[in-house]
């Protein structure tokens, strides 16, 4: 993976999967220890292992824009995480926020969305927990 910081932020790019993610973390310099498969970062006068701690930093991630047939109905969603109570969620249809759940409000199973039709869909999750999977579907059966 290629990790870069610049004045406007940072990103990780995986040339194999073509995955591109923006970074919310900032540091002064870094060293890739290829033998241990670790990234050592320096913030001020302190060295840390990147993603090496016991607790998660707060983060925010938004999916790419998914283009569906005109006026598609996504009526259900599901978030899979071991610490789902530490997350919040926003869902966007045609560029507008159509649904949101604050931290602690996301159910452990699938849940219904308002009856909104849109052509483009995005989902955003934020909080202090690892997210295994985010799903939008047109029926509850598709979420299982």
C-alpha atoms as a PDB file:
ATOM      1  CA  UNK A   1       0.000   0.000   0.000  1.00  0.00           C
ATOM      2  CA  UNK A   2       1.064   3.564  -0.631  1.00  0.00           C
ATOM      3  CA  UNK A   3       0.636   5.944   2.328  1.00  0.00           C
ATOM      4  CA  UNK A   4       1.068   9.676   1.803  1.00  0.00           C
ATOM      5  CA  UNK A   5       0.633  12.888   3.779  1.00  0.00           C
ATOM      6  CA  UNK A   6       0.374  16.329   2.213  1.00  0.00           C
ATOM      7  CA  UNK A   7      -0.632  19.813   3.336  1.00  0.00           C
ATOM      8  CA  UNK A   8      -4.305  19.113   2.668  1.00  0.00           C
ATOM      9  CA  UNK A   9      -4.445  15.737   4.466  1.00  0.00           C
ATOM     10  CA  UNK A  10      -3.359  12.189   3.778  1.00  0.00           C
ATOM     11  CA  UNK A  11      -4.403   8.969   2.064  1.00  0.00           C
ATOM     12  CA  UNK A  12      -3.728   5.264   1.639  1.00  0.00           C
ATOM     13  CA  UNK A  13      -3.803   3.737  -1.843  1.00  0.00           C
ATOM     14  CA  UNK A  14      -3.736  -0.003  -2.523  1.00  0.00           C
ATOM     15  CA  UNK A  15      -2.656  -0.505  -6.163  1.00  0.00           C
ATOM     16  CA  UNK A  16      -3.823  -4.149  -6.154  1.00  0.00           C
ATOM     17  CA  UNK A  17      -7.443  -3.565  -5.111  1.00  0.00           C
ATOM     18  CA  UNK A  18      -7.529   0.087  -6.299  1.00  0.00           C
ATOM     19  CA  UNK A  19      -8.849   1.006  -2.815  1.00  0.00           C
ATOM     20  CA  UNK A  20      -8.342   4.686  -1.904  1.00  0.00           C
ATOM     21  CA  UNK A  21      -8.931   5.951   1.648  1.00  0.00           C
ATOM     22  CA  UNK A  22      -8.444   9.388   3.121  1.00  0.00           C
ATOM     23  CA  UNK A  23      -6.660   9.597   6.484  1.00  0.00           C
ATOM     24  CA  UNK A  24      -7.777  11.570   9.504  1.00  0.00           C
ATOM     25  CA  UNK A  25      -4.524  10.845  11.370  1.00  0.00           C
ATOM     26  CA  UNK A  26      -1.554  13.219  11.083  1.00  0.00           C
ATOM     27  CA  UNK A  27       2.082  12.658  12.027  1.00  0.00           C
ATOM     28  CA  UNK A  28       5.472  14.292  11.500  1.00  0.00           C
ATOM     29  CA  UNK A  29       7.295  11.345   9.935  1.00  0.00           C
ATOM     30  CA  UNK A  30       7.003   7.583   9.542  1.00  0.00           C
ATOM     31  CA  UNK A  31       9.119   4.479   9.012  1.00  0.00           C
ATOM     32  CA  UNK A  32       7.901   1.248   7.409  1.00  0.00           C
ATOM     33  CA  UNK A  33       9.426  -1.763   9.214  1.00  0.00           C
ATOM     34  CA  UNK A  34       9.065  -4.378   6.469  1.00  0.00           C
ATOM     35  CA  UNK A  35      10.450  -7.202   8.615  1.00  0.00           C
ATOM     36  CA  UNK A  36       7.727  -6.779  11.263  1.00  0.00           C
ATOM     37  CA  UNK A  37       5.084  -5.442   8.818  1.00  0.00           C
ATOM     38  CA  UNK A  38       4.532  -2.349  10.970  1.00  0.00           C
ATOM     39  CA  UNK A  39       4.382   1.375  10.373  1.00  0.00           C
ATOM     40  CA  UNK A  40       6.135   3.409  13.062  1.00  0.00           C
ATOM     41  CA  UNK A  41       4.983   7.045  13.232  1.00  0.00           C
ATOM     42  CA  UNK A  42       6.407  10.043  15.070  1.00  0.00           C
ATOM     43  CA  UNK A  43       4.118  12.712  16.506  1.00  0.00           C
ATOM     44  CA  UNK A  44       6.116  15.472  18.181  1.00  0.00           C
ATOM     45  CA  UNK A  45       8.695  13.719  20.367  1.00  0.00           C
ATOM     46  CA  UNK A  46       6.849  10.397  20.648  1.00  0.00           C
ATOM     47  CA  UNK A  47       7.020   7.228  18.526  1.00  0.00           C
ATOM     48  CA  UNK A  48       3.931   5.040  18.079  1.00  0.00           C
ATOM     49  CA  UNK A  49       2.918   1.968  16.125  1.00  0.00           C
ATOM     50  CA  UNK A  50       0.245   2.968  13.659  1.00  0.00           C
ATOM     51  CA  UNK A  51      -2.861   0.886  14.377  1.00  0.00           C
ATOM     52  CA  UNK A  52      -0.950  -0.765  17.218  1.00  0.00           C
ATOM     53  CA  UNK A  53      -2.908   0.385  20.275  1.00  0.00           C
ATOM     54  CA  UNK A  54      -5.631  -1.259  22.333  1.00  0.00           C
ATOM     55  CA  UNK A  55      -8.251   1.426  21.695  1.00  0.00           C
ATOM     56  CA  UNK A  56      -9.540   2.950  18.481  1.00  0.00           C
ATOM     57  CA  UNK A  57      -9.246   6.607  17.538  1.00  0.00           C
ATOM     58  CA  UNK A  58     -12.378   8.366  16.383  1.00  0.00           C
ATOM     59  CA  UNK A  59     -12.769   8.109  12.631  1.00  0.00           C
ATOM     60  CA  UNK A  60     -15.168   8.840   9.814  1.00  0.00           C
ATOM     61  CA  UNK A  61     -15.586   6.929   6.551  1.00  0.00           C
ATOM     62  CA  UNK A  62     -17.910   7.563   3.614  1.00  0.00           C
ATOM     63  CA  UNK A  63     -18.469   5.099   0.791  1.00  0.00           C
ATOM     64  CA  UNK A  64     -18.134   5.895  -2.859  1.00  0.00           C
ATOM     65  CA  UNK A  65     -21.277   6.979  -4.696  1.00  0.00           C
ATOM     66  CA  UNK A  66     -23.211   3.909  -5.849  1.00  0.00           C
ATOM     67  CA  UNK A  67     -25.145   4.491  -9.080  1.00  0.00           C
ATOM     68  CA  UNK A  68     -28.361   2.428  -9.255  1.00  0.00           C
ATOM     69  CA  UNK A  69     -31.262   2.389 -11.712  1.00  0.00           C
ATOM     70  CA  UNK A  70     -33.385   5.549 -11.672  1.00  0.00           C
ATOM     71  CA  UNK A  71     -35.421   5.976  -8.462  1.00  0.00           C
ATOM     72  CA  UNK A  72     -34.195   2.807  -6.727  1.00  0.00           C
ATOM     73  CA  UNK A  73     -35.626   2.100  -3.273  1.00  0.00           C
ATOM     74  CA  UNK A  74     -33.148   1.102  -0.573  1.00  0.00           C
ATOM     75  CA  UNK A  75     -35.486   0.256   2.304  1.00  0.00           C
ATOM     76  CA  UNK A  76     -33.136  -1.509   4.752  1.00  0.00           C
ATOM     77  CA  UNK A  77     -29.640  -1.220   6.194  1.00  0.00           C
ATOM     78  CA  UNK A  78     -27.319  -3.112   8.517  1.00  0.00           C
ATOM     79  CA  UNK A  79     -24.059  -2.314  10.307  1.00  0.00           C
ATOM     80  CA  UNK A  80     -21.854  -5.172  11.517  1.00  0.00           C
ATOM     81  CA  UNK A  81     -19.421  -4.269  14.317  1.00  0.00           C
ATOM     82  CA  UNK A  82     -18.377  -5.747  17.662  1.00  0.00           C
ATOM     83  CA  UNK A  83     -18.831  -2.299  19.287  1.00  0.00           C
ATOM     84  CA  UNK A  84     -21.840  -1.002  17.361  1.00  0.00           C
ATOM     85  CA  UNK A  85     -22.834   1.275  20.266  1.00  0.00           C
ATOM     86  CA  UNK A  86     -19.712   3.374  19.572  1.00  0.00           C
ATOM     87  CA  UNK A  87     -20.802   4.253  16.010  1.00  0.00           C
ATOM     88  CA  UNK A  88     -23.081   6.731  14.259  1.00  0.00           C
ATOM     89  CA  UNK A  89     -24.464   6.425  10.730  1.00  0.00           C
ATOM     90  CA  UNK A  90     -25.630   8.667   7.872  1.00  0.00           C
ATOM     91  CA  UNK A  91     -27.235   7.588   4.610  1.00  0.00           C
ATOM     92  CA  UNK A  92     -27.340   9.799   1.536  1.00  0.00           C
ATOM     93  CA  UNK A  93     -29.655   9.547  -1.478  1.00  0.00           C
ATOM     94  CA  UNK A  94     -28.976  11.711  -4.530  1.00  0.00           C
ATOM     95  CA  UNK A  95     -26.432  13.724  -2.517  1.00  0.00           C
ATOM     96  CA  UNK A  96     -28.820  14.613   0.337  1.00  0.00           C
ATOM     97  CA  UNK A  97     -28.808  13.114   3.816  1.00  0.00           C
ATOM     98  CA  UNK A  98     -31.963  10.983   4.024  1.00  0.00           C
ATOM     99  CA  UNK A  99     -31.384   9.135   7.313  1.00  0.00           C
ATOM    100  CA  UNK A 100     -29.105   9.224  10.338  1.00  0.00           C
ATOM    101  CA  UNK A 101     -28.582   7.409  13.617  1.00  0.00           C
ATOM    102  CA  UNK A 102     -26.528   8.871  16.448  1.00  0.00           C
ATOM    103  CA  UNK A 103     -24.019   6.978  18.544  1.00  0.00           C
ATOM    104  CA  UNK A 104     -25.791   4.246  20.495  1.00  0.00           C
ATOM    105  CA  UNK A 105     -28.915   4.230  18.276  1.00  0.00           C
ATOM    106  CA  UNK A 106     -27.815   1.686  15.628  1.00  0.00           C
ATOM    107  CA  UNK A 107     -29.586  -1.691  16.103  1.00  0.00           C
ATOM    108  CA  UNK A 108     -27.521  -4.898  16.153  1.00  0.00           C
ATOM    109  CA  UNK A 109     -29.605  -6.384  13.317  1.00  0.00           C
ATOM    110  CA  UNK A 110     -30.987  -4.963  10.105  1.00  0.00           C
ATOM    111  CA  UNK A 111     -33.315  -1.965  10.307  1.00  0.00           C
ATOM    112  CA  UNK A 112     -35.826  -0.196   8.080  1.00  0.00           C
ATOM    113  CA  UNK A 113     -35.150   3.072   6.266  1.00  0.00           C
ATOM    114  CA  UNK A 114     -37.730   5.684   5.275  1.00  0.00           C
ATOM    115  CA  UNK A 115     -39.372   5.156   1.871  1.00  0.00           C
ATOM    116  CA  UNK A 116     -36.962   7.271  -0.190  1.00  0.00           C
ATOM    117  CA  UNK A 117     -36.252   6.705  -3.861  1.00  0.00           C
ATOM    118  CA  UNK A 118     -32.895   7.819  -5.292  1.00  0.00           C
ATOM    119  CA  UNK A 119     -30.519   7.065  -8.126  1.00  0.00           C
ATOM    120  CA  UNK A 120     -27.250   7.537  -6.211  1.00  0.00           C
ATOM    121  CA  UNK A 121     -26.590   6.200  -2.703  1.00  0.00           C
ATOM    122  CA  UNK A 122     -23.813   6.648  -0.120  1.00  0.00           C
ATOM    123  CA  UNK A 123     -23.351   5.499   3.451  1.00  0.00           C
ATOM    124  CA  UNK A 124     -21.176   7.122   6.127  1.00  0.00           C
ATOM    125  CA  UNK A 125     -20.102   5.725   9.481  1.00  0.00           C
ATOM    126  CA  UNK A 126     -18.174   7.459  12.255  1.00  0.00           C
ATOM    127  CA  UNK A 127     -17.075   6.654  15.780  1.00  0.00           C
ATOM    128  CA  UNK A 128     -14.537   4.709  17.813  1.00  0.00           C
ATOM    129  CA  UNK A 129     -15.047   1.105  16.699  1.00  0.00           C
ATOM    130  CA  UNK A 130     -13.972  -1.262  13.964  1.00  0.00           C
ATOM    131  CA  UNK A 131     -16.616  -1.782  11.282  1.00  0.00           C
ATOM    132  CA  UNK A 132     -16.785  -5.191   9.641  1.00  0.00           C
ATOM    133  CA  UNK A 133     -19.557  -4.530   7.127  1.00  0.00           C
ATOM    134  CA  UNK A 134     -22.063  -1.860   5.987  1.00  0.00           C
ATOM    135  CA  UNK A 135     -25.068  -2.895   3.902  1.00  0.00           C
ATOM    136  CA  UNK A 136     -27.929  -1.182   2.092  1.00  0.00           C
ATOM    137  CA  UNK A 137     -30.636  -3.346   0.534  1.00  0.00           C
ATOM    138  CA  UNK A 138     -34.108  -3.254  -0.950  1.00  0.00           C
ATOM    139  CA  UNK A 139     -35.373  -5.981   1.447  1.00  0.00           C
ATOM    140  CA  UNK A 140     -34.538  -7.374   4.879  1.00  0.00           C
ATOM    141  CA  UNK A 141     -33.896 -10.802   3.328  1.00  0.00           C
ATOM    142  CA  UNK A 142     -31.014  -9.368   1.285  1.00  0.00           C
ATOM    143  CA  UNK A 143     -29.237  -8.299   4.513  1.00  0.00           C
ATOM    144  CA  UNK A 144     -28.882 -11.832   5.884  1.00  0.00           C
END
